[in-house]
C-alpha atoms as a PDB file:
ATOM      1  CA  MET A   1       7.545 124.593 -40.677  1.00  0.00           C
ATOM      2  CA  LYS A   2       7.361 125.970 -44.198  1.00  0.00           C
ATOM      3  CA  PRO A   3      10.805 127.308 -45.268  1.00  0.00           C
ATOM      4  CA  TYR A   4      11.321 131.035 -45.729  1.00  0.00           C
ATOM      5  CA  THR A   5      12.389 132.079 -49.216  1.00  0.00           C
ATOM      6  CA  LEU A   6      15.591 134.145 -49.190  1.00  0.00           C
ATOM      7  CA  LEU A   7      16.969 136.428 -51.894  1.00  0.00           C
ATOM      8  CA  ILE A   8      20.625 137.492 -51.623  1.00  0.00           C
ATOM      9  CA  ILE A   9      21.671 140.628 -53.516  1.00  0.00           C
ATOM     10  CA  THR A  10      25.390 141.477 -53.633  1.00  0.00           C
ATOM     11  CA  ASP A  11      28.100 142.027 -56.211  1.00  0.00           C
ATOM     12  CA  ASN A  12      30.753 140.739 -53.755  1.00  0.00           C
ATOM     13  CA  ILE A  13      31.536 137.245 -55.042  1.00  0.00           C
ATOM     14  CA  GLU A  14      33.224 135.984 -51.878  1.00  0.00           C
ATOM     15  CA  LEU A  15      30.432 137.274 -49.637  1.00  0.00           C
ATOM     16  CA  ARG A  16      27.759 135.866 -51.932  1.00  0.00           C
ATOM     17  CA  GLU A  17      29.367 132.433 -51.997  1.00  0.00           C
ATOM     18  CA  ARG A  18      29.722 132.366 -48.206  1.00  0.00           C
ATOM     19  CA  LEU A  19      26.104 133.387 -47.699  1.00  0.00           C
ATOM     20  CA  GLU A  20      24.872 130.866 -50.255  1.00  0.00           C
ATOM     21  CA  SER A  21      26.915 128.095 -48.640  1.00  0.00           C
ATOM     22  CA  TYR A  22      25.627 128.858 -45.157  1.00  0.00           C
ATOM     23  CA  PHE A  23      21.963 129.554 -45.855  1.00  0.00           C
ATOM     24  CA  GLY A  24      21.728 126.836 -48.485  1.00  0.00           C
ATOM     25  CA  SER A  25      22.452 124.281 -45.757  1.00  0.00           C
ATOM     26  CA  LEU A  26      19.544 125.365 -43.529  1.00  0.00           C
ATOM     27  CA  SER A  27      16.246 123.502 -43.787  1.00  0.00           C
ATOM     28  CA  ILE A  28      14.291 126.544 -42.642  1.00  0.00           C
ATOM     29  CA  ILE A  29      15.590 128.582 -45.601  1.00  0.00           C
ATOM     30  CA  LYS A  30      14.727 128.085 -49.280  1.00  0.00           C
ATOM     31  CA  LEU A  31      17.507 129.843 -51.144  1.00  0.00           C
ATOM     32  CA  LEU A  32      16.392 131.664 -54.299  1.00  0.00           C
ATOM     33  CA  PRO A  33      18.784 132.341 -57.210  1.00  0.00           C
ATOM     34  CA  SER A  34      21.049 135.131 -55.976  1.00  0.00           C
ATOM     35  CA  ALA A  35      21.350 138.503 -57.695  1.00  0.00           C
ATOM     36  CA  VAL A  36      24.827 139.722 -58.674  1.00  0.00           C
ATOM     37  CA  ASP A  37      23.999 143.446 -58.687  1.00  0.00           C
ATOM     38  CA  GLY A  38      21.225 145.916 -57.928  1.00  0.00           C
ATOM     39  CA  MET A  39      19.451 145.710 -61.279  1.00  0.00           C
ATOM     40  CA  SER A  40      19.257 141.916 -61.260  1.00  0.00           C
ATOM     41  CA  GLY A  41      18.190 142.136 -57.601  1.00  0.00           C
ATOM     42  CA  VAL A  42      15.130 144.182 -58.497  1.00  0.00           C
ATOM     43  CA  ALA A  43      14.372 141.754 -61.330  1.00  0.00           C
ATOM     44  CA  GLN A  44      14.623 138.749 -58.992  1.00  0.00           C
ATOM     45  CA  ALA A  45      12.449 140.478 -56.408  1.00  0.00           C
ATOM     46  CA  ARG A  46       9.855 141.146 -59.103  1.00  0.00           C
ATOM     47  CA  ILE A  47       9.771 137.434 -59.984  1.00  0.00           C
ATOM     48  CA  PHE A  48       9.935 135.800 -56.549  1.00  0.00           C
ATOM     49  CA  ASP A  49       8.573 138.291 -53.956  1.00  0.00           C
ATOM     50  CA  PRO A  50      10.789 136.678 -51.261  1.00  0.00           C
ATOM     51  CA  ASP A  51       9.996 136.336 -47.573  1.00  0.00           C
ATOM     52  CA  LEU A  52      13.504 137.517 -46.626  1.00  0.00           C
ATOM     53  CA  MET A  53      16.168 139.570 -48.380  1.00  0.00           C
ATOM     54  CA  LEU A  54      19.859 140.178 -47.685  1.00  0.00           C
ATOM     55  CA  LEU A  55      20.744 143.414 -49.482  1.00  0.00           C
ATOM     56  CA  ASP A  56      24.299 144.701 -49.905  1.00  0.00           C
ATOM     57  CA  MET A  57      24.067 148.464 -49.523  1.00  0.00           C
ATOM     58  CA  LEU A  58      27.437 149.202 -51.160  1.00  0.00           C
ATOM     59  CA  MET A  59      27.246 148.122 -54.805  1.00  0.00           C
ATOM     60  CA  PRO A  60      28.428 149.968 -57.935  1.00  0.00           C
ATOM     61  CA  ARG A  61      26.002 151.533 -60.400  1.00  0.00           C
ATOM     62  CA  MET A  62      22.867 150.623 -58.430  1.00  0.00           C
ATOM     63  CA  ASP A  63      23.463 150.533 -54.681  1.00  0.00           C
ATOM     64  CA  GLY A  64      21.173 149.318 -51.916  1.00  0.00           C
ATOM     65  CA  ILE A  65      19.358 152.622 -51.530  1.00  0.00           C
ATOM     66  CA  ALA A  66      18.586 152.670 -55.265  1.00  0.00           C
ATOM     67  CA  VAL A  67      17.308 149.087 -55.024  1.00  0.00           C
ATOM     68  CA  LEU A  68      15.025 150.025 -52.125  1.00  0.00           C
ATOM     69  CA  ARG A  69      13.670 153.040 -54.025  1.00  0.00           C
ATOM     70  CA  SER A  70      12.974 150.880 -57.079  1.00  0.00           C
ATOM     71  CA  LEU A  71      11.160 148.306 -54.964  1.00  0.00           C
ATOM     72  CA  ARG A  72       9.040 151.034 -53.397  1.00  0.00           C
ATOM     73  CA  ALA A  73       8.286 152.680 -56.774  1.00  0.00           C
ATOM     74  CA  GLU A  74       6.955 149.352 -58.104  1.00  0.00           C
ATOM     75  CA  ASN A  75       5.239 148.374 -54.833  1.00  0.00           C
ATOM     76  CA  LEU A  76       7.386 145.245 -54.680  1.00  0.00           C
ATOM     77  CA  CYS A  77       8.299 143.172 -51.607  1.00  0.00           C
ATOM     78  CA  GLN A  78       5.794 144.907 -49.352  1.00  0.00           C
ATOM     79  CA  ASN A  79       5.827 141.962 -46.938  1.00  0.00           C
ATOM     80  CA  THR A  80       9.521 141.105 -47.332  1.00  0.00           C
ATOM     81  CA  ARG A  81      11.794 141.420 -44.321  1.00  0.00           C
ATOM     82  CA  ILE A  82      14.810 143.270 -45.756  1.00  0.00           C
ATOM     83  CA  PHE A  83      18.171 143.060 -43.971  1.00  0.00           C
ATOM     84  CA  ALA A  84      20.717 145.636 -45.104  1.00  0.00           C
ATOM     85  CA  LEU A  85      24.367 144.556 -45.123  1.00  0.00           C
ATOM     86  CA  SER A  86      26.614 147.580 -44.786  1.00  0.00           C
ATOM     87  CA  SER A  87      29.939 148.758 -43.385  1.00  0.00           C
ATOM     88  CA  MET A  88      28.600 152.313 -43.249  1.00  0.00           C
ATOM     89  CA  LYS A  89      28.004 153.887 -39.851  1.00  0.00           C
ATOM     90  CA  GLY A  90      25.834 156.794 -38.850  1.00  0.00           C
ATOM     91  CA  GLU A  91      22.275 157.399 -37.771  1.00  0.00           C
ATOM     92  CA  GLU A  92      21.322 159.132 -41.024  1.00  0.00           C
ATOM     93  CA  ALA A  93      22.160 156.058 -43.128  1.00  0.00           C
ATOM     94  CA  VAL A  94      20.164 153.815 -40.785  1.00  0.00           C
ATOM     95  CA  GLN A  95      17.162 156.140 -40.802  1.00  0.00           C
ATOM     96  CA  LEU A  96      17.205 156.436 -44.593  1.00  0.00           C
ATOM     97  CA  GLY A  97      17.259 152.665 -44.968  1.00  0.00           C
ATOM     98  CA  GLU A  98      14.417 152.225 -42.484  1.00  0.00           C
ATOM     99  CA  SER A  99      12.337 154.874 -44.247  1.00  0.00           C
ATOM    100  CA  LEU A 100      12.687 152.838 -47.465  1.00  0.00           C
ATOM    101  CA  GLY A 101      11.669 149.524 -45.929  1.00  0.00           C
ATOM    102  CA  VAL A 102      14.760 148.054 -44.258  1.00  0.00           C
ATOM    103  CA  THR A 103      13.774 145.807 -41.376  1.00  0.00           C
ATOM    104  CA  TYR A 104      17.206 145.672 -39.745  1.00  0.00           C
ATOM    105  CA  GLN A 105      20.670 146.965 -40.628  1.00  0.00           C
ATOM    106  CA  ILE A 106      23.544 144.521 -40.072  1.00  0.00           C
ATOM    107  CA  GLN A 107      27.002 146.000 -39.610  1.00  0.00           C
ATOM    108  CA  MET A 108      29.547 144.165 -41.750  1.00  0.00           C
ATOM    109  CA  PRO A 109      31.704 142.174 -41.606  1.00  0.00           C
ATOM    110  CA  THR A 110      29.562 139.824 -39.510  1.00  0.00           C
ATOM    111  CA  ASP A 111      29.489 136.072 -39.115  1.00  0.00           C
ATOM    112  CA  GLU A 112      26.745 134.232 -41.026  1.00  0.00           C
ATOM    113  CA  SER A 113      25.333 132.706 -37.824  1.00  0.00           C
ATOM    114  CA  LEU A 114      24.732 136.189 -36.407  1.00  0.00           C
ATOM    115  CA  ILE A 115      23.044 137.302 -39.618  1.00  0.00           C
ATOM    116  CA  PHE A 116      20.793 134.248 -39.419  1.00  0.00           C
ATOM    117  CA  SER A 117      19.976 134.953 -35.776  1.00  0.00           C
ATOM    118  CA  ARG A 118      18.841 138.495 -36.580  1.00  0.00           C
ATOM    119  CA  MET A 119      16.810 137.234 -39.528  1.00  0.00           C
ATOM    120  CA  MET A 120      14.977 134.764 -37.305  1.00  0.00           C
ATOM    121  CA  ASP A 121      14.370 137.497 -34.709  1.00  0.00           C
ATOM    122  CA  PHE A 122      12.456 139.520 -37.299  1.00  0.00           C
ATOM    123  CA  ALA A 123      11.016 136.832 -39.605  1.00  0.00           C
ATOM    124  CA  PRO A 124       7.203 136.646 -39.617  1.00  0.00           C
ATOM    125  CA  ASP A 125       5.843 133.898 -37.364  1.00  0.00           C
ATOM    126  CA  ARG A 126       3.277 132.561 -39.806  1.00  0.00           C
ATOM    127  CA  ASP A 127       1.801 129.721 -37.732  1.00  0.00           C
ATOM    128  CA  GLY A 128       3.343 130.058 -34.278  1.00  0.00           C
ATOM    129  CA  SER A 129       6.028 127.461 -34.924  1.00  0.00           C
ATOM    130  CA  LEU A 130       8.789 130.058 -35.212  1.00  0.00           C
ATOM    131  CA  GLN A 131       8.584 130.664 -31.460  1.00  0.00           C
ATOM    132  CA  LEU A 132       9.635 127.058 -30.851  1.00  0.00           C
ATOM    133  CA  TYR A 133      12.421 127.397 -33.401  1.00  0.00           C
ATOM    134  CA  ARG A 134      13.674 130.565 -31.732  1.00  0.00           C
ATOM    135  CA  ALA A 135      13.706 128.766 -28.391  1.00  0.00           C
ATOM    136  CA  SER A 136      15.864 125.996 -29.835  1.00  0.00           C
ATOM    137  CA  MET A 137      18.199 128.603 -31.310  1.00  0.00           C
ATOM    138  CA  ARG A 138      18.728 130.125 -27.876  1.00  0.00           C
ATOM    139  CA  GLU A 139      20.027 126.743 -26.711  1.00  0.00           C
ATOM    140  CA  ASN A 140      22.776 127.113 -29.310  1.00  0.00           C
ATOM    141  CA  ASP A 141      23.520 130.700 -28.354  1.00  0.00           C
ATOM    142  CA  LEU A 142      27.075 129.737 -27.367  1.00  0.00           C
ATOM    143  CA  ASN A 143      28.122 130.051 -31.013  1.00  0.00           C
ATOM    144  CA  LEU A 144      26.831 133.627 -31.106  1.00  0.00           C
ATOM    145  CA  GLN A 145      28.584 134.546 -27.862  1.00  0.00           C
ATOM    146  CA  ILE A 146      31.863 133.092 -29.120  1.00  0.00           C
ATOM    147  CA  ASP A 147      31.638 134.997 -32.389  1.00  0.00           C
ATOM    148  CA  GLN A 148      30.894 138.298 -30.659  1.00  0.00           C
ATOM    149  CA  ILE A 149      33.858 137.949 -28.296  1.00  0.00           C
ATOM    150  CA  VAL A 150      36.311 136.824 -30.980  1.00  0.00           C
ATOM    151  CA  THR A 151      35.157 139.476 -33.458  1.00  0.00           C
ATOM    152  CA  TYR A 152      35.568 142.242 -30.882  1.00  0.00           C
ATOM    153  CA  LEU A 153      39.035 141.026 -29.910  1.00  0.00           C
ATOM    154  CA  LEU A 154      40.326 140.699 -33.470  1.00  0.00           C
ATOM    155  CA  ARG A 155      39.017 144.123 -34.418  1.00  0.00           C
ATOM    156  CA  HIS A 156      40.578 145.617 -31.287  1.00  0.00           C
ATOM    157  CA  MET A 157      43.926 144.160 -32.378  1.00  0.00           C
ATOM    158  CA  GLY A 158      43.557 145.714 -35.814  1.00  0.00           C
ATOM    159  CA  CYS A 159      43.219 142.402 -37.647  1.00  0.00           C
ATOM    160  CA  PRO A 160      42.509 142.890 -41.387  1.00  0.00           C
ATOM    161  CA  VAL A 161      38.995 141.602 -42.083  1.00  0.00           C
ATOM    162  CA  SER A 162      39.616 141.632 -45.837  1.00  0.00           C
ATOM    163  CA  LEU A 163      41.861 138.566 -45.671  1.00  0.00           C
ATOM    164  CA  THR A 164      40.488 135.055 -46.089  1.00  0.00           C
ATOM    165  CA  GLY A 165      42.567 133.983 -43.097  1.00  0.00           C
ATOM    166  CA  TYR A 166      40.472 136.258 -40.852  1.00  0.00           C
ATOM    167  CA  TYR A 167      37.350 134.138 -41.319  1.00  0.00           C
ATOM    168  CA  GLN A 168      39.256 130.869 -41.275  1.00  0.00           C
ATOM    169  CA  ALA A 169      41.022 131.825 -38.027  1.00  0.00           C
ATOM    170  CA  LYS A 170      37.645 132.650 -36.465  1.00  0.00           C
ATOM    171  CA  THR A 171      36.342 129.217 -37.456  1.00  0.00           C
ATOM    172  CA  VAL A 172      39.362 127.465 -35.931  1.00  0.00           C
ATOM    173  CA  ILE A 173      39.164 129.523 -32.725  1.00  0.00           C
ATOM    174  CA  ALA A 174      35.424 128.865 -32.352  1.00  0.00           C
ATOM    175  CA  PHE A 175      36.077 125.122 -32.767  1.00  0.00           C
ATOM    176  CA  CYS A 176      38.741 125.231 -30.048  1.00  0.00           C
ATOM    177  CA  VAL A 177      36.488 127.203 -27.678  1.00  0.00           C
ATOM    178  CA  ARG A 178      33.590 124.790 -28.152  1.00  0.00           C
ATOM    179  CA  ASN A 179      35.979 121.959 -27.283  1.00  0.00           C
ATOM    180  CA  MET A 180      37.569 123.841 -24.394  1.00  0.00           C
ATOM    181  CA  ASP A 181      37.323 120.827 -22.074  1.00  0.00           C
ATOM    182  CA  ARG A 182      39.976 118.860 -23.960  1.00  0.00           C
ATOM    183  CA  SER A 183      43.288 119.327 -25.763  1.00  0.00           C
ATOM    184  CA  ILE A 184      42.883 120.040 -29.482  1.00  0.00           C
ATOM    185  CA  CYS A 185      45.357 119.079 -32.202  1.00  0.00           C
ATOM    186  CA  LEU A 186      45.164 121.851 -34.777  1.00  0.00           C
ATOM    187  CA  SER A 187      46.501 119.844 -37.733  1.00  0.00           C
ATOM    188  CA  GLN A 188      44.348 116.782 -37.081  1.00  0.00           C
ATOM    189  CA  GLU A 189      41.103 118.326 -35.796  1.00  0.00           C
ATOM    190  CA  ALA A 190      40.680 122.105 -35.987  1.00  0.00           C
ATOM    191  CA  TYR A 191      42.261 122.697 -39.399  1.00  0.00           C
ATOM    192  CA  PRO A 192      40.363 119.815 -41.096  1.00  0.00           C
ATOM    193  CA  TYR A 193      37.131 121.135 -39.554  1.00  0.00           C
ATOM    194  CA  ALA A 194      37.777 124.643 -40.920  1.00  0.00           C
ATOM    195  CA  ALA A 195      38.796 123.194 -44.297  1.00  0.00           C
ATOM    196  CA  ARG A 196      35.403 121.477 -44.598  1.00  0.00           C
ATOM    197  CA  ILE A 197      33.565 124.650 -43.609  1.00  0.00           C
ATOM    198  CA  HIS A 198      35.449 126.878 -46.072  1.00  0.00           C
ATOM    199  CA  GLY A 199      35.813 124.365 -48.900  1.00  0.00           C
ATOM    200  CA  VAL A 200      39.623 124.356 -49.046  1.00  0.00           C
ATOM    201  CA  ASN A 201      42.389 121.978 -47.967  1.00  0.00           C
ATOM    202  CA  VAL A 202      44.180 121.890 -44.622  1.00  0.00           C
ATOM    203  CA  LYS A 203      47.411 123.399 -45.956  1.00  0.00           C
ATOM    204  CA  GLN A 204      45.497 126.406 -47.293  1.00  0.00           C
ATOM    205  CA  ILE A 205      43.902 126.947 -43.876  1.00  0.00           C
ATOM    206  CA  GLU A 206      47.288 126.863 -42.153  1.00  0.00           C
ATOM    207  CA  ARG A 207      48.916 129.125 -44.769  1.00  0.00           C
ATOM    208  CA  ASN A 208      46.058 131.652 -44.819  1.00  0.00           C
ATOM    209  CA  ILE A 209      46.054 131.966 -41.030  1.00  0.00           C
ATOM    210  CA  ARG A 210      49.842 132.362 -41.019  1.00  0.00           C
ATOM    211  CA  ASN A 211      49.573 135.185 -43.589  1.00  0.00           C
ATOM    212  CA  PHE A 212      46.709 136.749 -41.630  1.00  0.00           C
ATOM    213  CA  ILE A 213      48.839 136.820 -38.444  1.00  0.00           C
ATOM    214  CA  GLU A 214      51.847 138.290 -40.257  1.00  0.00           C
ATOM    215  CA  VAL A 215      49.786 141.084 -41.810  1.00  0.00           C
ATOM    216  CA  THR A 216      48.124 141.771 -38.447  1.00  0.00           C
ATOM    217  CA  TRP A 217      51.487 142.177 -36.722  1.00  0.00           C
ATOM    218  CA  THR A 218      52.689 144.448 -39.538  1.00  0.00           C
ATOM    219  CA  ARG A 219      49.687 146.757 -39.788  1.00  0.00           C
ATOM    220  CA  GLY A 220      47.617 146.180 -36.637  1.00  0.00           C
ATOM    221  CA  ASN A 221      47.375 147.750 -33.190  1.00  0.00           C
ATOM    222  CA  LEU A 222      50.705 146.820 -31.578  1.00  0.00           C
ATOM    223  CA  LYS A 223      49.689 148.125 -28.165  1.00  0.00           C
ATOM    224  CA  ALA A 224      46.571 145.961 -28.090  1.00  0.00           C
ATOM    225  CA  GLN A 225      48.508 142.955 -29.362  1.00  0.00           C
ATOM    226  CA  HIS A 226      51.130 143.311 -26.638  1.00  0.00           C
ATOM    227  CA  LYS A 227      48.443 143.684 -23.979  1.00  0.00           C
ATOM    228  CA  ILE A 228      46.767 140.449 -25.066  1.00  0.00           C
ATOM    229  CA  PHE A 229      49.845 138.352 -25.805  1.00  0.00           C
ATOM    230  CA  GLY A 230      52.262 139.856 -23.282  1.00  0.00           C
ATOM    231  CA  ASN A 231      55.458 137.838 -22.949  1.00  0.00           C
ATOM    232  CA  THR A 232      54.129 134.671 -24.555  1.00  0.00           C
ATOM    233  CA  ILE A 233      55.945 135.458 -27.821  1.00  0.00           C
ATOM    234  CA  GLU A 234      59.688 134.913 -28.096  1.00  0.00           C
ATOM    235  CA  ALA A 235      61.467 138.208 -28.741  1.00  0.00           C
ATOM    236  CA  GLU A 236      63.438 137.008 -31.777  1.00  0.00           C
ATOM    237  CA  ARG A 237      60.227 136.034 -33.599  1.00  0.00           C
ATOM    238  CA  SER A 238      58.260 139.186 -32.731  1.00  0.00           C
ATOM    239  CA  ARG A 239      54.951 137.578 -33.689  1.00  0.00           C
ATOM    240  CA  PRO A 240      53.083 134.449 -32.568  1.00  0.00           C
ATOM    241  CA  THR A 241      52.935 131.147 -34.378  1.00  0.00           C
ATOM    242  CA  ASN A 242      49.542 129.906 -35.511  1.00  0.00           C
ATOM    243  CA  LYS A 243      49.360 127.716 -32.412  1.00  0.00           C
ATOM    244  CA  GLU A 244      50.250 130.554 -30.041  1.00  0.00           C
ATOM    245  CA  PHE A 245      47.808 132.950 -31.691  1.00  0.00           C
ATOM    246  CA  ILE A 246      44.905 130.515 -31.615  1.00  0.00           C
ATOM    247  CA  ALA A 247      45.688 129.351 -28.056  1.00  0.00           C
ATOM    248  CA  ASN A 248      45.795 132.920 -26.694  1.00  0.00           C
ATOM    249  CA  ILE A 249      42.581 134.027 -28.384  1.00  0.00           C
ATOM    250  CA  THR A 250      40.862 130.805 -27.322  1.00  0.00           C
ATOM    251  CA  GLU A 251      41.945 131.269 -23.696  1.00  0.00           C
ATOM    252  CA  TYR A 252      40.787 134.889 -23.689  1.00  0.00           C
ATOM    253  CA  THR A 253      37.401 133.905 -25.143  1.00  0.00           C
ATOM    254  CA  VAL A 254      36.908 131.114 -22.600  1.00  0.00           C
ATOM    255  CA  ARG A 255      37.642 133.556 -19.743  1.00  0.00           C
ATOM    256  CA  GLN A 256      35.073 135.980 -21.110  1.00  0.00           C
ATOM    257  CA  LEU A 257      32.444 133.247 -21.417  1.00  0.00           C
ATOM    258  CA  ARG A 258      33.018 132.178 -17.819  1.00  0.00           C
ATOM    259  CA  LYS A 259      32.621 135.661 -16.396  1.00  0.00           C
ATOM    260  CA  PRO A 260      29.461 135.999 -14.313  1.00  0.00           C
ATOM    261  CA  SER A 261      26.771 137.835 -16.244  1.00  0.00           C
END
């Protein structure tokens, strides 16, 4: 299958690096040089005419809507599948984006695997081979189910998505859920796995998750936290350890996966 060319347009350095790392590792995607703002995004689109585009809708100076209007004014990217990345909600924003050529709007923050899944749902099937690829993706749908459950739970608890530890905790939890049939040693297995994924060392993973938990218990939804964790936390500590947090979220996710559909 011929790879799909992908142009990423965002001024968010952390988001751009995560997207580049994920999509750059996929054989079905040919990653084009990313654009760091709206103006350079239009310039890159003019040069490459990509098959797929990930467009950050919230950028300074020239936002996603302005990019879309510029593309339309120049008749650029007429066959490009454009995926809008936005934290904005509301039917009007969705309709405006669609009227300017957005194929699908992705609510952020969202895991890269879910973004990729939506992209493959809407990518053009040029020679019929994409149907087979989509079928193979469905076999790996467990990762998508895990991410949806964990994301919902963390948001319900009021976990701060702006912290690096949020994404690293999700990676560790997903690893533990996928290996639910055996006992996992966080320091020897789950943390090293997450460290490889996020390009940091094990101590940073542990420290970032610890900070993420502390901030969550300071600013989050205490009622939801108590409902999920109950009496598993010792009163004098008031908040769970990394191990307790990960174990509880993992157990909850496994129960949800095992519920009859």
